[in-house]
């Protein structure tokens, strides 16, 4: 169990509130949040981008990739607003990156 975030938070809170015990309590709570990992970024899961689990077959991965890339491909939005086209480009980039990452992970096996 990690404890140093709680201790440092309590000390910093006490110092910022000029010795008031409420500052220590607030600092302790913030330190606990850091120790618990509430502020850490979630690990990127390429399978979640494609809507699959890690035990999906190659055929399921290919099917999900093709379905999503045809749905979000920017060329399908030629006459649409520029904002929608940019969103589609971003989503298509995420899908392509996730598919490439899955292919790299599977080739290592």
N, C-alpha and C. Protein backbone atom coordinates (compact mmCIF):
# COMPACT_ATOMS: atom_id res chain seq x y z
N UNK A 1 0.84 -1.18 0.00
CA UNK A 1 0.00 0.00 0.00
C UNK A 1 0.88 1.24 0.00
N UNK A 2 0.54 2.16 -0.86
CA UNK A 2 1.33 3.39 -0.95
C UNK A 2 0.83 4.38 0.09
N UNK A 3 1.75 5.05 0.73
CA UNK A 3 1.40 5.96 1.82
C UNK A 3 1.99 7.35 1.65
N UNK A 4 3.03 7.48 0.83
CA UNK A 4 3.76 8.74 0.79
C UNK A 4 2.93 9.87 0.18
N UNK A 5 2.00 9.60 -0.71
CA UNK A 5 1.13 10.65 -1.25
C UNK A 5 0.24 11.22 -0.17
N UNK A 6 -0.24 10.34 0.70
CA UNK A 6 -1.11 10.80 1.79
C UNK A 6 -0.34 11.69 2.77
N UNK A 7 0.87 11.26 3.12
CA UNK A 7 1.68 12.03 4.07
C UNK A 7 2.08 13.37 3.47
N UNK A 8 2.57 13.35 2.23
CA UNK A 8 2.97 14.61 1.59
C UNK A 8 1.77 15.53 1.38
N UNK A 9 0.63 14.94 1.03
CA UNK A 9 -0.58 15.75 0.88
C UNK A 9 -1.01 16.38 2.18
N UNK A 10 -0.96 15.63 3.27
CA UNK A 10 -1.35 16.17 4.57
C UNK A 10 -0.41 17.30 4.98
N UNK A 11 0.88 17.13 4.77
CA UNK A 11 1.86 18.17 5.13
C UNK A 11 1.64 19.42 4.27
N UNK A 12 1.46 19.21 2.95
CA UNK A 12 1.25 20.36 2.06
C UNK A 12 -0.06 21.07 2.39
N UNK A 13 -1.11 20.31 2.68
CA UNK A 13 -2.38 20.92 3.03
C UNK A 13 -2.30 21.71 4.31
N UNK A 14 -1.60 21.17 5.28
CA UNK A 14 -1.43 21.86 6.56
C UNK A 14 -0.63 23.16 6.36
N UNK A 15 0.40 23.10 5.52
CA UNK A 15 1.21 24.29 5.28
C UNK A 15 0.42 25.35 4.51
N UNK A 16 -0.37 24.92 3.54
CA UNK A 16 -1.13 25.89 2.75
C UNK A 16 -2.25 26.54 3.55
N UNK A 17 -2.79 25.82 4.50
CA UNK A 17 -3.88 26.38 5.32
C UNK A 17 -3.34 26.95 6.64
N UNK A 18 -2.03 27.17 6.72
CA UNK A 18 -1.38 27.79 7.87
C UNK A 18 -1.68 27.08 9.17
N UNK A 19 -1.54 25.75 9.14
CA UNK A 19 -1.67 24.98 10.35
C UNK A 19 -3.06 24.52 10.71
N UNK A 20 -4.04 24.85 9.91
CA UNK A 20 -5.41 24.44 10.22
C UNK A 20 -5.58 22.95 9.92
N UNK A 21 -6.19 22.19 10.82
CA UNK A 21 -6.34 20.74 10.61
C UNK A 21 -7.17 20.39 9.36
N UNK A 22 -8.06 21.26 8.94
CA UNK A 22 -8.85 20.98 7.73
C UNK A 22 -7.95 20.89 6.51
N UNK A 23 -6.88 21.67 6.50
CA UNK A 23 -5.92 21.62 5.39
C UNK A 23 -5.25 20.27 5.31
N UNK A 24 -4.92 19.71 6.47
CA UNK A 24 -4.31 18.38 6.49
C UNK A 24 -5.29 17.34 5.98
N UNK A 25 -6.55 17.47 6.34
CA UNK A 25 -7.56 16.52 5.88
C UNK A 25 -7.75 16.60 4.36
N UNK A 26 -7.84 17.82 3.84
CA UNK A 26 -7.98 17.99 2.40
C UNK A 26 -6.75 17.45 1.68
N UNK A 27 -5.56 17.77 2.19
CA UNK A 27 -4.33 17.25 1.59
C UNK A 27 -4.27 15.74 1.65
N UNK A 28 -4.73 15.16 2.75
CA UNK A 28 -4.76 13.71 2.90
C UNK A 28 -5.67 13.07 1.85
N UNK A 29 -6.82 13.67 1.62
CA UNK A 29 -7.75 13.14 0.62
C UNK A 29 -7.17 13.23 -0.79
N UNK A 30 -6.54 14.35 -1.10
CA UNK A 30 -5.92 14.50 -2.42
C UNK A 30 -4.76 13.53 -2.57
N UNK A 31 -3.97 13.36 -1.51
CA UNK A 31 -2.88 12.39 -1.55
C UNK A 31 -3.37 10.98 -1.75
N UNK A 32 -4.49 10.65 -1.11
CA UNK A 32 -5.08 9.32 -1.30
C UNK A 32 -5.52 9.12 -2.75
N UNK A 33 -6.09 10.16 -3.34
CA UNK A 33 -6.52 10.06 -4.74
C UNK A 33 -5.33 9.80 -5.65
N UNK A 34 -4.20 10.45 -5.40
CA UNK A 34 -3.00 10.21 -6.19
C UNK A 34 -2.47 8.79 -5.96
N UNK A 35 -2.43 8.37 -4.70
CA UNK A 35 -1.95 7.02 -4.40
C UNK A 35 -2.83 5.94 -5.02
N UNK A 36 -4.12 6.19 -5.07
CA UNK A 36 -5.06 5.21 -5.62
C UNK A 36 -5.05 5.19 -7.14
N UNK A 37 -4.40 6.18 -7.77
CA UNK A 37 -4.29 6.20 -9.22
C UNK A 37 -5.48 6.82 -9.93
N UNK A 38 -6.23 7.63 -9.23
CA UNK A 38 -7.40 8.25 -9.86
C UNK A 38 -7.03 9.22 -10.96
N UNK A 39 -5.82 9.75 -10.92
CA UNK A 39 -5.41 10.76 -11.89
C UNK A 39 -4.53 10.19 -12.99
N UNK A 40 -4.30 8.89 -13.00
CA UNK A 40 -3.50 8.26 -14.04
C UNK A 40 -4.35 8.06 -15.29
N UNK A 41 -3.69 8.15 -16.41
CA UNK A 41 -4.39 7.90 -17.68
C UNK A 41 -4.67 6.40 -17.80
N UNK A 42 -5.80 6.09 -18.38
CA UNK A 42 -6.15 4.69 -18.59
C UNK A 42 -5.27 4.11 -19.69
N UNK A 43 -4.85 2.85 -19.55
CA UNK A 43 -4.05 2.26 -20.61
C UNK A 43 -4.88 2.10 -21.88
N UNK A 44 -4.24 2.31 -23.01
CA UNK A 44 -4.94 2.24 -24.29
C UNK A 44 -5.18 0.78 -24.66
N UNK A 45 -6.42 0.45 -24.96
CA UNK A 45 -6.78 -0.91 -25.34
C UNK A 45 -7.23 -0.90 -26.80
N UNK A 46 -6.40 -1.41 -27.71
CA UNK A 46 -6.78 -1.37 -29.13
C UNK A 46 -8.01 -2.23 -29.43
N UNK A 47 -8.23 -3.28 -28.64
CA UNK A 47 -9.40 -4.13 -28.87
C UNK A 47 -10.70 -3.37 -28.56
N UNK A 48 -10.66 -2.49 -27.56
CA UNK A 48 -11.85 -1.72 -27.20
C UNK A 48 -12.22 -0.74 -28.31
N UNK A 49 -11.22 -0.21 -29.02
CA UNK A 49 -11.50 0.70 -30.12
C UNK A 49 -12.31 -0.01 -31.20
N UNK A 50 -11.98 -1.28 -31.44
CA UNK A 50 -12.70 -2.05 -32.44
C UNK A 50 -13.95 -2.72 -31.88
N UNK A 51 -14.18 -2.58 -30.58
CA UNK A 51 -15.36 -3.17 -29.96
C UNK A 51 -15.24 -4.67 -29.77
N UNK A 52 -14.04 -5.14 -29.52
CA UNK A 52 -13.77 -6.58 -29.38
C UNK A 52 -13.11 -6.88 -28.05
N UNK A 53 -13.03 -8.17 -27.72
CA UNK A 53 -12.26 -8.59 -26.57
C UNK A 53 -10.92 -9.13 -27.06
N UNK A 54 -9.99 -9.33 -26.15
CA UNK A 54 -8.64 -9.75 -26.52
C UNK A 54 -8.59 -11.17 -27.09
N UNK A 55 -9.62 -11.96 -26.85
CA UNK A 55 -9.61 -13.33 -27.36
C UNK A 55 -10.37 -13.47 -28.69
N UNK A 56 -10.56 -12.36 -29.40
CA UNK A 56 -11.26 -12.40 -30.68
C UNK A 56 -10.39 -13.08 -31.74
N UNK A 57 -11.04 -13.73 -32.67
CA UNK A 57 -10.31 -14.42 -33.74
C UNK A 57 -9.87 -13.40 -34.80
N UNK A 58 -8.98 -13.85 -35.69
CA UNK A 58 -8.50 -12.98 -36.77
C UNK A 58 -9.66 -12.53 -37.66
N UNK A 59 -10.57 -13.43 -37.92
CA UNK A 59 -11.71 -13.10 -38.78
C UNK A 59 -12.60 -12.05 -38.12
N UNK A 60 -12.81 -12.16 -36.83
CA UNK A 60 -13.62 -11.17 -36.12
C UNK A 60 -12.94 -9.80 -36.12
N UNK A 61 -11.62 -9.81 -35.96
CA UNK A 61 -10.87 -8.55 -35.98
C UNK A 61 -10.97 -7.89 -37.34
N UNK A 62 -10.78 -8.67 -38.40
CA UNK A 62 -10.87 -8.12 -39.75
C UNK A 62 -12.28 -7.60 -40.05
N UNK A 63 -13.28 -8.34 -39.64
CA UNK A 63 -14.67 -7.94 -39.87
C UNK A 63 -14.99 -6.63 -39.14
N UNK A 64 -14.57 -6.53 -37.89
CA UNK A 64 -14.82 -5.31 -37.11
C UNK A 64 -14.07 -4.12 -37.70
N UNK A 65 -12.83 -4.35 -38.13
CA UNK A 65 -12.04 -3.27 -38.73
C UNK A 65 -12.71 -2.77 -40.00
N UNK A 66 -13.09 -3.68 -40.88
CA UNK A 66 -13.72 -3.28 -42.15
C UNK A 66 -15.05 -2.56 -41.92
N UNK A 67 -15.82 -3.05 -40.97
CA UNK A 67 -17.11 -2.42 -40.68
C UNK A 67 -16.91 -0.99 -40.19
N UNK A 68 -15.97 -0.80 -39.25
CA UNK A 68 -15.76 0.52 -38.67
C UNK A 68 -15.10 1.48 -39.66
N UNK A 69 -14.14 0.99 -40.43
CA UNK A 69 -13.44 1.89 -41.35
C UNK A 69 -14.36 2.33 -42.48
N UNK A 70 -15.28 1.47 -42.92
CA UNK A 70 -16.23 1.93 -43.93
C UNK A 70 -17.23 2.91 -43.34
N UNK A 71 -17.55 2.76 -42.07
CA UNK A 71 -18.49 3.67 -41.42
C UNK A 71 -17.87 5.04 -41.20
N UNK A 72 -16.59 5.10 -40.83
CA UNK A 72 -15.96 6.36 -40.46
C UNK A 72 -14.97 6.89 -41.48
N UNK A 73 -14.92 6.32 -42.67
CA UNK A 73 -13.95 6.78 -43.66
C UNK A 73 -14.30 8.20 -44.10
N UNK A 74 -13.32 9.10 -44.12
CA UNK A 74 -13.59 10.51 -44.45
C UNK A 74 -14.11 10.72 -45.87
N UNK A 75 -13.79 9.84 -46.80
CA UNK A 75 -14.26 10.01 -48.17
C UNK A 75 -15.77 9.85 -48.29
N UNK A 76 -16.40 9.21 -47.33
CA UNK A 76 -17.86 9.07 -47.36
C UNK A 76 -18.55 10.38 -47.03
N UNK A 77 -17.80 11.33 -46.50
CA UNK A 77 -18.38 12.62 -46.09
C UNK A 77 -17.91 13.77 -46.98
N UNK A 78 -17.81 13.53 -48.26
CA UNK A 78 -17.31 14.57 -49.17
C UNK A 78 -18.14 15.84 -49.13
N UNK A 79 -19.46 15.74 -49.11
CA UNK A 79 -20.30 16.93 -49.15
C UNK A 79 -20.66 17.47 -47.77
N UNK A 80 -20.18 16.84 -46.72
CA UNK A 80 -20.56 17.23 -45.36
C UNK A 80 -19.71 18.42 -44.88
N UNK A 81 -20.06 18.91 -43.72
CA UNK A 81 -19.33 20.03 -43.13
C UNK A 81 -17.90 19.63 -42.80
N UNK A 82 -17.03 20.61 -42.80
CA UNK A 82 -15.61 20.35 -42.55
C UNK A 82 -15.38 19.76 -41.16
N UNK A 83 -16.17 20.19 -40.18
CA UNK A 83 -16.03 19.68 -38.82
C UNK A 83 -16.31 18.17 -38.76
N UNK A 84 -17.35 17.73 -39.46
CA UNK A 84 -17.66 16.30 -39.50
C UNK A 84 -16.56 15.52 -40.19
N UNK A 85 -16.02 16.09 -41.23
CA UNK A 85 -14.93 15.42 -41.96
C UNK A 85 -13.69 15.27 -41.06
N UNK A 86 -13.38 16.30 -40.29
CA UNK A 86 -12.23 16.23 -39.39
C UNK A 86 -12.45 15.19 -38.29
N UNK A 87 -13.68 15.11 -37.77
CA UNK A 87 -13.99 14.09 -36.77
C UNK A 87 -13.85 12.69 -37.36
N UNK A 88 -14.30 12.52 -38.59
CA UNK A 88 -14.19 11.21 -39.25
C UNK A 88 -12.73 10.85 -39.49
N UNK A 89 -11.91 11.82 -39.87
CA UNK A 89 -10.47 11.56 -40.07
C UNK A 89 -9.82 11.13 -38.76
N UNK A 90 -10.19 11.78 -37.68
CA UNK A 90 -9.62 11.43 -36.37
C UNK A 90 -10.03 10.02 -35.96
N UNK A 91 -11.31 9.70 -36.12
CA UNK A 91 -11.81 8.37 -35.74
C UNK A 91 -11.18 7.30 -36.64
N UNK A 92 -11.07 7.56 -37.94
CA UNK A 92 -10.45 6.60 -38.85
C UNK A 92 -8.98 6.38 -38.48
N UNK A 93 -8.31 7.45 -38.06
CA UNK A 93 -6.92 7.30 -37.61
C UNK A 93 -6.81 6.43 -36.37
N UNK A 94 -7.75 6.60 -35.43
CA UNK A 94 -7.76 5.76 -34.23
C UNK A 94 -8.01 4.29 -34.59
N UNK A 95 -8.93 4.06 -35.51
CA UNK A 95 -9.25 2.69 -35.93
C UNK A 95 -8.04 2.05 -36.60
N UNK A 96 -7.41 2.78 -37.50
CA UNK A 96 -6.22 2.25 -38.19
C UNK A 96 -5.09 1.96 -37.21
N UNK A 97 -4.86 2.87 -36.27
CA UNK A 97 -3.80 2.67 -35.28
C UNK A 97 -4.09 1.46 -34.41
N UNK A 98 -5.35 1.29 -34.01
CA UNK A 98 -5.71 0.14 -33.18
C UNK A 98 -5.52 -1.16 -33.95
N UNK A 99 -5.93 -1.18 -35.20
CA UNK A 99 -5.78 -2.38 -36.03
C UNK A 99 -4.30 -2.72 -36.22
N UNK A 100 -3.49 -1.71 -36.50
CA UNK A 100 -2.05 -1.94 -36.65
C UNK A 100 -1.43 -2.46 -35.37
N UNK A 101 -1.84 -1.91 -34.24
CA UNK A 101 -1.30 -2.36 -32.96
C UNK A 101 -1.69 -3.81 -32.67
N UNK A 102 -2.93 -4.17 -32.98
CA UNK A 102 -3.37 -5.55 -32.79
C UNK A 102 -2.56 -6.49 -33.68
N UNK A 103 -2.32 -6.08 -34.92
CA UNK A 103 -1.56 -6.92 -35.84
C UNK A 103 -0.12 -7.12 -35.33
N UNK A 104 0.47 -6.08 -34.77
CA UNK A 104 1.82 -6.20 -34.20
C UNK A 104 1.82 -7.12 -32.99
N UNK A 105 0.81 -6.97 -32.13
CA UNK A 105 0.72 -7.84 -30.95
C UNK A 105 0.53 -9.30 -31.35
N UNK A 106 -0.28 -9.54 -32.35
CA UNK A 106 -0.56 -10.91 -32.78
C UNK A 106 0.63 -11.53 -33.50
N UNK A 107 1.42 -10.72 -34.19
CA UNK A 107 2.58 -11.28 -34.91
C UNK A 107 3.70 -11.68 -33.95
N UNK A 108 3.72 -11.09 -32.75
CA UNK A 108 4.75 -11.44 -31.75
C UNK A 108 4.50 -12.81 -31.14
N UNK A 109 3.27 -13.29 -31.18
CA UNK A 109 2.92 -14.55 -30.55
C UNK A 109 3.53 -15.71 -31.25
